[in-house]
């Protein structure tokens, strides 16, 4: 997002991130129910069995030693940096990215 939006809407952004975290936690706690709900709500979620597999994969990738320590939604900026470097190496991006300069974590729900 743009810096102006970030500065002007911090309270709204904090609430959004907390709701997003809570919805992810619900999906982790209730994958079968989430798969059924996706049939009704998701644009590409018409296959309940496929939904469940996607949800299981998403749930598995949402948990790491960092999230176990800091909570669901914690961002590993160093890992994002490695990803940006890999993308540059294979030609998906042209310029170096400094993730610490563009990723803010101060609004995340686990940050008090």
PDB file of N, CA and C in Angstrom:
ATOM      1  N   UNK A   1       0.828  -1.167   0.000  1.00  0.00           N
ATOM      2  CA  UNK A   1       0.000   0.000   0.000  1.00  0.00           C
ATOM      3  C   UNK A   1       0.879   1.239   0.000  1.00  0.00           C
ATOM      4  N   UNK A   2       0.282   2.324  -0.274  1.00  0.00           N
ATOM      5  CA  UNK A   2       1.025   3.580  -0.294  1.00  0.00           C
ATOM      6  C   UNK A   2       1.241   4.088   1.128  1.00  0.00           C
ATOM      7  N   UNK A   3       2.321   4.811   1.317  1.00  0.00           N
ATOM      8  CA  UNK A   3       2.682   5.348   2.638  1.00  0.00           C
ATOM      9  C   UNK A   3       1.547   6.183   3.223  1.00  0.00           C
ATOM     10  N   UNK A   4       0.888   6.973   2.394  1.00  0.00           N
ATOM     11  CA  UNK A   4      -0.198   7.842   2.867  1.00  0.00           C
ATOM     12  C   UNK A   4      -1.330   7.008   3.492  1.00  0.00           C
ATOM     13  N   UNK A   5      -1.718   5.932   2.824  1.00  0.00           N
ATOM     14  CA  UNK A   5      -2.764   5.056   3.356  1.00  0.00           C
ATOM     15  C   UNK A   5      -2.303   4.419   4.656  1.00  0.00           C
ATOM     16  N   UNK A   6      -1.079   3.941   4.667  1.00  0.00           N
ATOM     17  CA  UNK A   6      -0.506   3.327   5.871  1.00  0.00           C
ATOM     18  C   UNK A   6      -0.561   4.290   7.054  1.00  0.00           C
ATOM     19  N   UNK A   7      -0.180   5.524   6.847  1.00  0.00           N
ATOM     20  CA  UNK A   7      -0.147   6.511   7.933  1.00  0.00           C
ATOM     21  C   UNK A   7      -1.549   6.939   8.370  1.00  0.00           C
ATOM     22  N   UNK A   8      -2.449   7.087   7.428  1.00  0.00           N
ATOM     23  CA  UNK A   8      -3.777   7.633   7.730  1.00  0.00           C
ATOM     24  C   UNK A   8      -4.766   6.592   8.252  1.00  0.00           C
ATOM     25  N   UNK A   9      -4.546   5.334   7.974  1.00  0.00           N
ATOM     26  CA  UNK A   9      -5.552   4.321   8.304  1.00  0.00           C
ATOM     27  C   UNK A   9      -5.002   3.193   9.168  1.00  0.00           C
ATOM     28  N   UNK A  10      -4.094   3.530  10.064  1.00  0.00           N
ATOM     29  CA  UNK A  10      -3.469   2.489  10.888  1.00  0.00           C
ATOM     30  C   UNK A  10      -4.480   1.711  11.720  1.00  0.00           C
ATOM     31  N   UNK A  11      -5.453   2.396  12.320  1.00  0.00           N
ATOM     32  CA  UNK A  11      -6.431   1.680  13.138  1.00  0.00           C
ATOM     33  C   UNK A  11      -7.259   0.707  12.305  1.00  0.00           C
ATOM     34  N   UNK A  12      -7.693   1.141  11.139  1.00  0.00           N
ATOM     35  CA  UNK A  12      -8.444   0.272  10.240  1.00  0.00           C
ATOM     36  C   UNK A  12      -7.584  -0.907   9.791  1.00  0.00           C
ATOM     37  N   UNK A  13      -6.337  -0.648   9.453  1.00  0.00           N
ATOM     38  CA  UNK A  13      -5.433  -1.705   9.020  1.00  0.00           C
ATOM     39  C   UNK A  13      -5.172  -2.711  10.135  1.00  0.00           C
ATOM     40  N   UNK A  14      -5.022  -2.247  11.365  1.00  0.00           N
ATOM     41  CA  UNK A  14      -4.838  -3.157  12.504  1.00  0.00           C
ATOM     42  C   UNK A  14      -6.052  -4.065  12.668  1.00  0.00           C
ATOM     43  N   UNK A  15      -7.249  -3.488  12.558  1.00  0.00           N
ATOM     44  CA  UNK A  15      -8.471  -4.294  12.686  1.00  0.00           C
ATOM     45  C   UNK A  15      -8.570  -5.313  11.552  1.00  0.00           C
ATOM     46  N   UNK A  16      -8.225  -4.891  10.332  1.00  0.00           N
ATOM     47  CA  UNK A  16      -8.249  -5.811   9.203  1.00  0.00           C
ATOM     48  C   UNK A  16      -7.283  -6.975   9.426  1.00  0.00           C
ATOM     49  N   UNK A  17      -6.067  -6.670   9.847  1.00  0.00           N
ATOM     50  CA  UNK A  17      -5.071  -7.714  10.058  1.00  0.00           C
ATOM     51  C   UNK A  17      -5.483  -8.666  11.173  1.00  0.00           C
ATOM     52  N   UNK A  18      -6.103  -8.140  12.227  1.00  0.00           N
ATOM     53  CA  UNK A  18      -6.581  -9.001  13.317  1.00  0.00           C
ATOM     54  C   UNK A  18      -7.708  -9.904  12.815  1.00  0.00           C
ATOM     55  N   UNK A  19      -8.616  -9.359  12.025  1.00  0.00           N
ATOM     56  CA  UNK A  19      -9.714 -10.164  11.474  1.00  0.00           C
ATOM     57  C   UNK A  19      -9.174 -11.218  10.514  1.00  0.00           C
ATOM     58  N   UNK A  20      -8.190 -10.850   9.715  1.00  0.00           N
ATOM     59  CA  UNK A  20      -7.580 -11.804   8.780  1.00  0.00           C
ATOM     60  C   UNK A  20      -6.909 -12.937   9.548  1.00  0.00           C
ATOM     61  N   UNK A  21      -6.181 -12.580  10.601  1.00  0.00           N
ATOM     62  CA  UNK A  21      -5.546 -13.604  11.437  1.00  0.00           C
ATOM     63  C   UNK A  21      -6.597 -14.522  12.059  1.00  0.00           C
ATOM     64  N   UNK A  22      -7.675 -13.926  12.576  1.00  0.00           N
ATOM     65  CA  UNK A  22      -8.726 -14.721  13.210  1.00  0.00           C
ATOM     66  C   UNK A  22      -9.404 -15.644  12.200  1.00  0.00           C
ATOM     67  N   UNK A  23      -9.598 -15.166  10.976  1.00  0.00           N
ATOM     68  CA  UNK A  23     -10.225 -16.020   9.961  1.00  0.00           C
ATOM     69  C   UNK A  23      -9.290 -17.160   9.569  1.00  0.00           C
ATOM     70  N   UNK A  24      -8.002 -16.878   9.500  1.00  0.00           N
ATOM     71  CA  UNK A  24      -7.034 -17.938   9.201  1.00  0.00           C
ATOM     72  C   UNK A  24      -7.027 -18.975  10.318  1.00  0.00           C
ATOM     73  N   UNK A  25      -7.093 -18.517  11.561  1.00  0.00           N
ATOM     74  CA  UNK A  25      -7.123 -19.448  12.694  1.00  0.00           C
ATOM     75  C   UNK A  25      -8.388 -20.301  12.645  1.00  0.00           C
ATOM     76  N   UNK A  26      -9.520 -19.676  12.315  1.00  0.00           N
ATOM     77  CA  UNK A  26     -10.772 -20.439  12.201  1.00  0.00           C
ATOM     78  C   UNK A  26     -10.639 -21.511  11.125  1.00  0.00           C
ATOM     79  N   UNK A  27     -10.055 -21.144   9.996  1.00  0.00           N
ATOM     80  CA  UNK A  27      -9.886 -22.102   8.899  1.00  0.00           C
ATOM     81  C   UNK A  27      -8.961 -23.244   9.332  1.00  0.00           C
ATOM     82  N   UNK A  28      -7.969 -22.939  10.141  1.00  0.00           N
ATOM     83  CA  UNK A  28      -7.071 -23.983  10.636  1.00  0.00           C
ATOM     84  C   UNK A  28      -7.807 -24.908  11.606  1.00  0.00           C
ATOM     85  N   UNK A  29      -8.687 -24.324  12.405  1.00  0.00           N
ATOM     86  CA  UNK A  29      -9.432 -25.108  13.394  1.00  0.00           C
ATOM     87  C   UNK A  29     -10.598 -25.888  12.786  1.00  0.00           C
ATOM     88  N   UNK A  30     -11.125 -25.417  11.649  1.00  0.00           N
ATOM     89  CA  UNK A  30     -12.326 -26.009  11.037  1.00  0.00           C
ATOM     90  C   UNK A  30     -12.152 -26.195   9.529  1.00  0.00           C
ATOM     91  N   UNK A  31     -11.166 -26.970   9.083  1.00  0.00           N
ATOM     92  CA  UNK A  31     -10.904 -27.072   7.642  1.00  0.00           C
ATOM     93  C   UNK A  31     -12.064 -27.659   6.834  1.00  0.00           C
ATOM     94  N   UNK A  32     -12.751 -28.645   7.381  1.00  0.00           N
ATOM     95  CA  UNK A  32     -13.858 -29.249   6.636  1.00  0.00           C
ATOM     96  C   UNK A  32     -14.999 -28.254   6.449  1.00  0.00           C
ATOM     97  N   UNK A  33     -15.326 -27.519   7.493  1.00  0.00           N
ATOM     98  CA  UNK A  33     -16.383 -26.507   7.403  1.00  0.00           C
ATOM     99  C   UNK A  33     -15.975 -25.394   6.433  1.00  0.00           C
ATOM    100  N   UNK A  34     -14.701 -25.011   6.469  1.00  0.00           N
ATOM    101  CA  UNK A  34     -14.204 -23.980   5.548  1.00  0.00           C
ATOM    102  C   UNK A  34     -14.310 -24.446   4.097  1.00  0.00           C
ATOM    103  N   UNK A  35     -14.024 -25.724   3.858  1.00  0.00           N
ATOM    104  CA  UNK A  35     -14.113 -26.275   2.502  1.00  0.00           C
ATOM    105  C   UNK A  35     -15.547 -26.234   1.988  1.00  0.00           C
ATOM    106  N   UNK A  36     -16.503 -26.523   2.860  1.00  0.00           N
ATOM    107  CA  UNK A  36     -17.913 -26.447   2.478  1.00  0.00           C
ATOM    108  C   UNK A  36     -18.326 -25.004   2.211  1.00  0.00           C
ATOM    109  N   UNK A  37     -17.898 -24.109   3.053  1.00  0.00           N
ATOM    110  CA  UNK A  37     -18.230 -22.698   2.890  1.00  0.00           C
ATOM    111  C   UNK A  37     -17.663 -22.137   1.585  1.00  0.00           C
ATOM    112  N   UNK A  38     -16.497 -22.598   1.218  1.00  0.00           N
ATOM    113  CA  UNK A  38     -15.865 -22.119  -0.022  1.00  0.00           C
ATOM    114  C   UNK A  38     -16.695 -22.462  -1.250  1.00  0.00           C
ATOM    115  N   UNK A  39     -17.425 -23.563  -1.204  1.00  0.00           N
ATOM    116  CA  UNK A  39     -18.289 -23.925  -2.332  1.00  0.00           C
ATOM    117  C   UNK A  39     -19.310 -22.817  -2.572  1.00  0.00           C
ATOM    118  N   UNK A  40     -19.792 -22.214  -1.497  1.00  0.00           N
ATOM    119  CA  UNK A  40     -20.793 -21.154  -1.607  1.00  0.00           C
ATOM    120  C   UNK A  40     -20.190 -19.780  -1.872  1.00  0.00           C
ATOM    121  N   UNK A  41     -18.990 -19.526  -1.352  1.00  0.00           N
ATOM    122  CA  UNK A  41     -18.450 -18.166  -1.350  1.00  0.00           C
ATOM    123  C   UNK A  41     -17.276 -17.898  -2.286  1.00  0.00           C
ATOM    124  N   UNK A  42     -16.477 -18.917  -2.561  1.00  0.00           N
ATOM    125  CA  UNK A  42     -15.262 -18.700  -3.353  1.00  0.00           C
ATOM    126  C   UNK A  42     -15.559 -18.783  -4.847  1.00  0.00           C
ATOM    127  N   UNK A  43     -14.957 -17.931  -5.611  1.00  0.00           N
ATOM    128  CA  UNK A  43     -15.141 -17.920  -7.060  1.00  0.00           C
ATOM    129  C   UNK A  43     -14.679 -19.236  -7.671  1.00  0.00           C
ATOM    130  N   UNK A  44     -13.553 -19.735  -7.214  1.00  0.00           N
ATOM    131  CA  UNK A  44     -12.989 -20.964  -7.789  1.00  0.00           C
ATOM    132  C   UNK A  44     -13.068 -22.134  -6.814  1.00  0.00           C
ATOM    133  N   UNK A  45     -14.040 -22.130  -5.913  1.00  0.00           N
ATOM    134  CA  UNK A  45     -14.121 -23.160  -4.888  1.00  0.00           C
ATOM    135  C   UNK A  45     -15.297 -24.098  -5.032  1.00  0.00           C
ATOM    136  N   UNK A  46     -15.621 -24.503  -6.226  1.00  0.00           N
ATOM    137  CA  UNK A  46     -16.799 -25.343  -6.449  1.00  0.00           C
ATOM    138  C   UNK A  46     -16.597 -26.807  -6.081  1.00  0.00           C
ATOM    139  N   UNK A  47     -15.354 -27.235  -5.935  1.00  0.00           N
ATOM    140  CA  UNK A  47     -15.046 -28.624  -5.617  1.00  0.00           C
ATOM    141  C   UNK A  47     -14.633 -28.709  -4.151  1.00  0.00           C
ATOM    142  N   UNK A  48     -15.526 -29.250  -3.318  1.00  0.00           N
ATOM    143  CA  UNK A  48     -15.274 -29.277  -1.876  1.00  0.00           C
ATOM    144  C   UNK A  48     -14.018 -30.064  -1.506  1.00  0.00           C
ATOM    145  N   UNK A  49     -13.790 -31.195  -2.162  1.00  0.00           N
ATOM    146  CA  UNK A  49     -12.592 -32.003  -1.871  1.00  0.00           C
ATOM    147  C   UNK A  49     -11.325 -31.226  -2.217  1.00  0.00           C
ATOM    148  N   UNK A  50     -11.352 -30.545  -3.355  1.00  0.00           N
ATOM    149  CA  UNK A  50     -10.197 -29.729  -3.750  1.00  0.00           C
ATOM    150  C   UNK A  50     -10.011 -28.576  -2.758  1.00  0.00           C
ATOM    151  N   UNK A  51     -11.117 -27.967  -2.339  1.00  0.00           N
ATOM    152  CA  UNK A  51     -11.042 -26.887  -1.350  1.00  0.00           C
ATOM    153  C   UNK A  51     -10.335 -27.365  -0.087  1.00  0.00           C
ATOM    154  N   UNK A  52     -10.714 -28.541   0.363  1.00  0.00           N
ATOM    155  CA  UNK A  52     -10.112 -29.073   1.591  1.00  0.00           C
ATOM    156  C   UNK A  52      -8.611 -29.272   1.424  1.00  0.00           C
ATOM    157  N   UNK A  53      -8.186 -29.774   0.291  1.00  0.00           N
ATOM    158  CA  UNK A  53      -6.753 -29.969   0.056  1.00  0.00           C
ATOM    159  C   UNK A  53      -6.018 -28.622   0.015  1.00  0.00           C
ATOM    160  N   UNK A  54      -6.600 -27.640  -0.637  1.00  0.00           N
ATOM    161  CA  UNK A  54      -5.994 -26.303  -0.689  1.00  0.00           C
ATOM    162  C   UNK A  54      -5.913 -25.712   0.710  1.00  0.00           C
ATOM    163  N   UNK A  55      -6.974 -25.853   1.475  1.00  0.00           N
ATOM    164  CA  UNK A  55      -6.997 -25.335   2.850  1.00  0.00           C
ATOM    165  C   UNK A  55      -5.940 -26.029   3.706  1.00  0.00           C
ATOM    166  N   UNK A  56      -5.813 -27.335   3.559  1.00  0.00           N
ATOM    167  CA  UNK A  56      -4.788 -28.059   4.325  1.00  0.00           C
ATOM    168  C   UNK A  56      -3.384 -27.562   3.977  1.00  0.00           C
ATOM    169  N   UNK A  57      -3.131 -27.335   2.687  1.00  0.00           N
ATOM    170  CA  UNK A  57      -1.824 -26.806   2.277  1.00  0.00           C
ATOM    171  C   UNK A  57      -1.605 -25.400   2.828  1.00  0.00           C
ATOM    172  N   UNK A  58      -2.618 -24.556   2.704  1.00  0.00           N
ATOM    173  CA  UNK A  58      -2.506 -23.187   3.214  1.00  0.00           C
ATOM    174  C   UNK A  58      -2.284 -23.192   4.721  1.00  0.00           C
ATOM    175  N   UNK A  59      -3.014 -24.044   5.417  1.00  0.00           N
ATOM    176  CA  UNK A  59      -2.844 -24.135   6.868  1.00  0.00           C
ATOM    177  C   UNK A  59      -1.425 -24.569   7.229  1.00  0.00           C
ATOM    178  N   UNK A  60      -0.908 -25.551   6.517  1.00  0.00           N
ATOM    179  CA  UNK A  60       0.437 -26.057   6.804  1.00  0.00           C
ATOM    180  C   UNK A  60       1.496 -24.987   6.568  1.00  0.00           C
ATOM    181  N   UNK A  61       1.314 -24.175   5.545  1.00  0.00           N
ATOM    182  CA  UNK A  61       2.314 -23.143   5.243  1.00  0.00           C
ATOM    183  C   UNK A  61       2.161 -21.908   6.112  1.00  0.00           C
ATOM    184  N   UNK A  62       1.101 -21.854   6.914  1.00  0.00           N
ATOM    185  CA  UNK A  62       0.881 -20.705   7.793  1.00  0.00           C
ATOM    186  C   UNK A  62       1.597 -20.846   9.127  1.00  0.00           C
ATOM    187  N   UNK A  63       2.152 -22.017   9.377  1.00  0.00           N
ATOM    188  CA  UNK A  63       2.778 -22.286  10.669  1.00  0.00           C
ATOM    189  C   UNK A  63       4.275 -22.507  10.463  1.00  0.00           C
ATOM    190  N   UNK A  64       5.048 -21.851  11.309  1.00  0.00           N
ATOM    191  CA  UNK A  64       6.504 -21.973  11.257  1.00  0.00           C
ATOM    192  C   UNK A  64       7.035 -21.784  12.676  1.00  0.00           C
ATOM    193  N   UNK A  65       8.311 -22.010  12.883  1.00  0.00           N
ATOM    194  CA  UNK A  65       8.868 -21.708  14.212  1.00  0.00           C
ATOM    195  C   UNK A  65       8.619 -20.250  14.620  1.00  0.00           C
ATOM    196  N   UNK A  66       8.649 -19.339  13.644  1.00  0.00           N
ATOM    197  CA  UNK A  66       8.396 -17.923  13.953  1.00  0.00           C
ATOM    198  C   UNK A  66       6.956 -17.704  14.405  1.00  0.00           C
ATOM    199  N   UNK A  67       5.992 -18.284  13.694  1.00  0.00           N
ATOM    200  CA  UNK A  67       4.594 -18.092  14.103  1.00  0.00           C
ATOM    201  C   UNK A  67       4.300 -18.824  15.407  1.00  0.00           C
ATOM    202  N   UNK A  68       4.985 -19.927  15.654  1.00  0.00           N
ATOM    203  CA  UNK A  68       4.791 -20.617  16.928  1.00  0.00           C
ATOM    204  C   UNK A  68       5.302 -19.761  18.081  1.00  0.00           C
ATOM    205  N   UNK A  69       6.330 -18.977  17.824  1.00  0.00           N
ATOM    206  CA  UNK A  69       6.903 -18.112  18.853  1.00  0.00           C
ATOM    207  C   UNK A  69       6.148 -16.789  18.980  1.00  0.00           C
ATOM    208  N   UNK A  70       5.827 -16.160  17.828  1.00  0.00           N
ATOM    209  CA  UNK A  70       5.270 -14.803  17.849  1.00  0.00           C
ATOM    210  C   UNK A  70       3.781 -14.742  17.526  1.00  0.00           C
ATOM    211  N   UNK A  71       3.206 -15.828  17.052  1.00  0.00           N
ATOM    212  CA  UNK A  71       1.782 -15.838  16.754  1.00  0.00           C
ATOM    213  C   UNK A  71       1.503 -15.865  15.260  1.00  0.00           C
ATOM    214  N   UNK A  72       0.312 -16.350  14.932  1.00  0.00           N
ATOM    215  CA  UNK A  72      -0.127 -16.442  13.550  1.00  0.00           C
ATOM    216  C   UNK A  72      -0.096 -15.058  12.912  1.00  0.00           C
ATOM    217  N   UNK A  73       0.519 -14.969  11.757  1.00  0.00           N
ATOM    218  CA  UNK A  73       0.624 -13.683  11.066  1.00  0.00           C
ATOM    219  C   UNK A  73       1.992 -13.051  11.168  1.00  0.00           C
ATOM    220  N   UNK A  74       2.861 -13.603  11.998  1.00  0.00           N
ATOM    221  CA  UNK A  74       4.222 -13.069  12.092  1.00  0.00           C
ATOM    222  C   UNK A  74       4.898 -13.191  10.733  1.00  0.00           C
ATOM    223  N   UNK A  75       5.673 -12.202  10.386  1.00  0.00           N
ATOM    224  CA  UNK A  75       6.319 -12.164   9.068  1.00  0.00           C
ATOM    225  C   UNK A  75       7.817 -12.321   9.224  1.00  0.00           C
ATOM    226  N   UNK A  76       8.375 -13.265   8.483  1.00  0.00           N
ATOM    227  CA  UNK A  76       9.812 -13.503   8.473  1.00  0.00           C
ATOM    228  C   UNK A  76      10.420 -12.662   7.348  1.00  0.00           C
ATOM    229  N   UNK A  77      10.833 -11.452   7.683  1.00  0.00           N
ATOM    230  CA  UNK A  77      11.352 -10.522   6.686  1.00  0.00           C
ATOM    231  C   UNK A  77      12.631 -11.061   6.047  1.00  0.00           C
ATOM    232  N   UNK A  78      13.441 -11.758   6.805  1.00  0.00           N
ATOM    233  CA  UNK A  78      14.663 -12.334   6.239  1.00  0.00           C
ATOM    234  C   UNK A  78      14.339 -13.378   5.170  1.00  0.00           C
ATOM    235  N   UNK A  79      13.289 -14.169   5.404  1.00  0.00           N
ATOM    236  CA  UNK A  79      12.878 -15.161   4.404  1.00  0.00           C
ATOM    237  C   UNK A  79      12.316 -14.463   3.165  1.00  0.00           C
ATOM    238  N   UNK A  80      11.571 -13.381   3.357  1.00  0.00           N
ATOM    239  CA  UNK A  80      11.085 -12.609   2.206  1.00  0.00           C
ATOM    240  C   UNK A  80      12.264 -12.067   1.400  1.00  0.00           C
ATOM    241  N   UNK A  81      13.323 -11.643   2.098  1.00  0.00           N
ATOM    242  CA  UNK A  81      14.506 -11.140   1.409  1.00  0.00           C
ATOM    243  C   UNK A  81      15.140 -12.232   0.548  1.00  0.00           C
ATOM    244  N   UNK A  82      15.236 -13.426   1.095  1.00  0.00           N
ATOM    245  CA  UNK A  82      15.785 -14.543   0.319  1.00  0.00           C
ATOM    246  C   UNK A  82      14.929 -14.807  -0.915  1.00  0.00           C
ATOM    247  N   UNK A  83      13.615 -14.704  -0.762  1.00  0.00           N
ATOM    248  CA  UNK A  83      12.726 -14.878  -1.904  1.00  0.00           C
ATOM    249  C   UNK A  83      12.934 -13.810  -2.962  1.00  0.00           C
ATOM    250  N   UNK A  84      13.075 -12.567  -2.531  1.00  0.00           N
ATOM    251  CA  UNK A  84      13.309 -11.471  -3.476  1.00  0.00           C
ATOM    252  C   UNK A  84      14.623 -11.679  -4.226  1.00  0.00           C
ATOM    253  N   UNK A  85      15.641 -12.129  -3.516  1.00  0.00           N
ATOM    254  CA  UNK A  85      16.937 -12.391  -4.164  1.00  0.00           C
ATOM    255  C   UNK A  85      16.828 -13.535  -5.168  1.00  0.00           C
ATOM    256  N   UNK A  86      16.061 -14.557  -4.830  1.00  0.00           N
ATOM    257  CA  UNK A  86      15.868 -15.678  -5.753  1.00  0.00           C
ATOM    258  C   UNK A  86      15.107 -15.220  -6.995  1.00  0.00           C
ATOM    259  N   UNK A  87      14.095 -14.385  -6.812  1.00  0.00           N
ATOM    260  CA  UNK A  87      13.330 -13.877  -7.953  1.00  0.00           C
ATOM    261  C   UNK A  87      14.217 -13.059  -8.879  1.00  0.00           C
ATOM    262  N   UNK A  88      15.103 -12.258  -8.295  1.00  0.00           N
ATOM    263  CA  UNK A  88      16.012 -11.465  -9.130  1.00  0.00           C
ATOM    264  C   UNK A  88      16.964 -12.392  -9.885  1.00  0.00           C
ATOM    265  N   UNK A  89      17.462 -13.394  -9.196  1.00  0.00           N
ATOM    266  CA  UNK A  89      18.421 -14.314  -9.811  1.00  0.00           C
ATOM    267  C   UNK A  89      17.832 -15.024 -11.030  1.00  0.00           C
ATOM    268  N   UNK A  90      16.555 -15.362 -10.978  1.00  0.00           N
ATOM    269  CA  UNK A  90      15.945 -16.061 -12.116  1.00  0.00           C
ATOM    270  C   UNK A  90      15.263 -15.101 -13.096  1.00  0.00           C
ATOM    271  N   UNK A  91      15.385 -13.799 -12.853  1.00  0.00           N
ATOM    272  CA  UNK A  91      14.918 -12.814 -13.813  1.00  0.00           C
ATOM    273  C   UNK A  91      13.477 -12.347 -13.677  1.00  0.00           C
ATOM    274  N   UNK A  92      12.806 -12.699 -12.582  1.00  0.00           N
ATOM    275  CA  UNK A  92      11.427 -12.250 -12.412  1.00  0.00           C
ATOM    276  C   UNK A  92      11.334 -10.784 -12.003  1.00  0.00           C
ATOM    277  N   UNK A  93      12.385 -10.274 -11.376  1.00  0.00           N
ATOM    278  CA  UNK A  93      12.465  -8.847 -11.063  1.00  0.00           C
ATOM    279  C   UNK A  93      13.836  -8.337 -11.504  1.00  0.00           C
ATOM    280  N   UNK A  94      13.908  -7.041 -11.814  1.00  0.00           N
ATOM    281  CA  UNK A  94      15.150  -6.475 -12.331  1.00  0.00           C
ATOM    282  C   UNK A  94      16.022  -5.836 -11.263  1.00  0.00           C
ATOM    283  N   UNK A  95      15.414  -5.239 -10.236  1.00  0.00           N
ATOM    284  CA  UNK A  95      16.164  -4.451  -9.259  1.00  0.00           C
ATOM    285  C   UNK A  95      16.220  -5.163  -7.906  1.00  0.00           C
ATOM    286  N   UNK A  96      17.261  -4.856  -7.157  1.00  0.00           N
ATOM    287  CA  UNK A  96      17.354  -5.371  -5.797  1.00  0.00           C
ATOM    288  C   UNK A  96      16.214  -4.798  -4.963  1.00  0.00           C
ATOM    289  N   UNK A  97      15.649  -5.638  -4.127  1.00  0.00           N
ATOM    290  CA  UNK A  97      14.635  -5.192  -3.179  1.00  0.00           C
ATOM    291  C   UNK A  97      15.191  -5.350  -1.778  1.00  0.00           C
ATOM    292  N   UNK A  98      14.985  -4.364  -0.940  1.00  0.00           N
ATOM    293  CA  UNK A  98      15.368  -4.440   0.467  1.00  0.00           C
ATOM    294  C   UNK A  98      14.078  -4.566   1.267  1.00  0.00           C
ATOM    295  N   UNK A  99      13.720  -5.807   1.580  1.00  0.00           N
ATOM    296  CA  UNK A  99      12.443  -6.080   2.218  1.00  0.00           C
ATOM    297  C   UNK A  99      12.288  -5.362   3.552  1.00  0.00           C
ATOM    298  N   UNK A 100      13.375  -5.184   4.290  1.00  0.00           N
ATOM    299  CA  UNK A 100      13.280  -4.473   5.572  1.00  0.00           C
ATOM    300  C   UNK A 100      12.842  -3.024   5.385  1.00  0.00           C
ATOM    301  N   UNK A 101      13.081  -2.490   4.186  1.00  0.00           N
ATOM    302  CA  UNK A 101      12.680  -1.107   3.903  1.00  0.00           C
ATOM    303  C   UNK A 101      11.216  -0.997   3.480  1.00  0.00           C
ATOM    304  N   UNK A 102      10.614  -2.101   3.047  1.00  0.00           N
ATOM    305  CA  UNK A 102       9.252  -2.012   2.511  1.00  0.00           C
ATOM    306  C   UNK A 102       8.224  -2.858   3.255  1.00  0.00           C
ATOM    307  N   UNK A 103       8.644  -3.687   4.193  1.00  0.00           N
ATOM    308  CA  UNK A 103       7.711  -4.521   4.947  1.00  0.00           C
ATOM    309  C   UNK A 103       7.631  -3.998   6.374  1.00  0.00           C
ATOM    310  N   UNK A 104       6.440  -3.568   6.751  1.00  0.00           N
ATOM    311  CA  UNK A 104       6.207  -3.081   8.107  1.00  0.00           C
ATOM    312  C   UNK A 104       5.485  -4.166   8.907  1.00  0.00           C
ATOM    313  N   UNK A 105       5.902  -4.352  10.129  1.00  0.00           N
ATOM    314  CA  UNK A 105       5.256  -5.345  10.989  1.00  0.00           C
ATOM    315  C   UNK A 105       4.595  -4.728  12.215  1.00  0.00           C
ATOM    316  N   UNK A 106       4.651  -3.417  12.331  1.00  0.00           N
ATOM    317  CA  UNK A 106       4.155  -2.756  13.531  1.00  0.00           C
ATOM    318  C   UNK A 106       2.648  -2.825  13.699  1.00  0.00           C
ATOM    319  N   UNK A 107       1.884  -3.121  12.666  1.00  0.00           N
ATOM    320  CA  UNK A 107       0.434  -3.184  12.767  1.00  0.00           C
ATOM    321  C   UNK A 107      -0.098  -4.597  12.981  1.00  0.00           C
ATOM    322  N   UNK A 108       0.786  -5.579  12.934  1.00  0.00           N
ATOM    323  CA  UNK A 108       0.344  -6.959  13.091  1.00  0.00           C
ATOM    324  C   UNK A 108      -0.242  -7.178  14.476  1.00  0.00           C
ATOM    325  N   UNK A 109      -1.275  -8.032  14.563  1.00  0.00           N
ATOM    326  CA  UNK A 109      -1.986  -8.230  15.832  1.00  0.00           C
ATOM    327  C   UNK A 109      -1.128  -8.703  16.990  1.00  0.00           C
ATOM    328  N   UNK A 110      -0.072  -9.465  16.700  1.00  0.00           N
ATOM    329  CA  UNK A 110       0.761  -9.967  17.798  1.00  0.00           C
ATOM    330  C   UNK A 110       1.687  -8.898  18.334  1.00  0.00           C
ATOM    331  N   UNK A 111       1.818  -7.781  17.641  1.00  0.00           N
ATOM    332  CA  UNK A 111       2.656  -6.683  18.118  1.00  0.00           C
ATOM    333  C   UNK A 111       1.831  -5.781  19.018  1.00  0.00           C
ATOM    334  N   UNK A 112       2.242  -5.613  20.217  1.00  0.00           N
ATOM    335  CA  UNK A 112       1.498  -4.770  21.175  1.00  0.00           C
ATOM    336  C   UNK A 112       2.210  -3.456  21.372  1.00  0.00           C
TER     337      UNK A 112
END
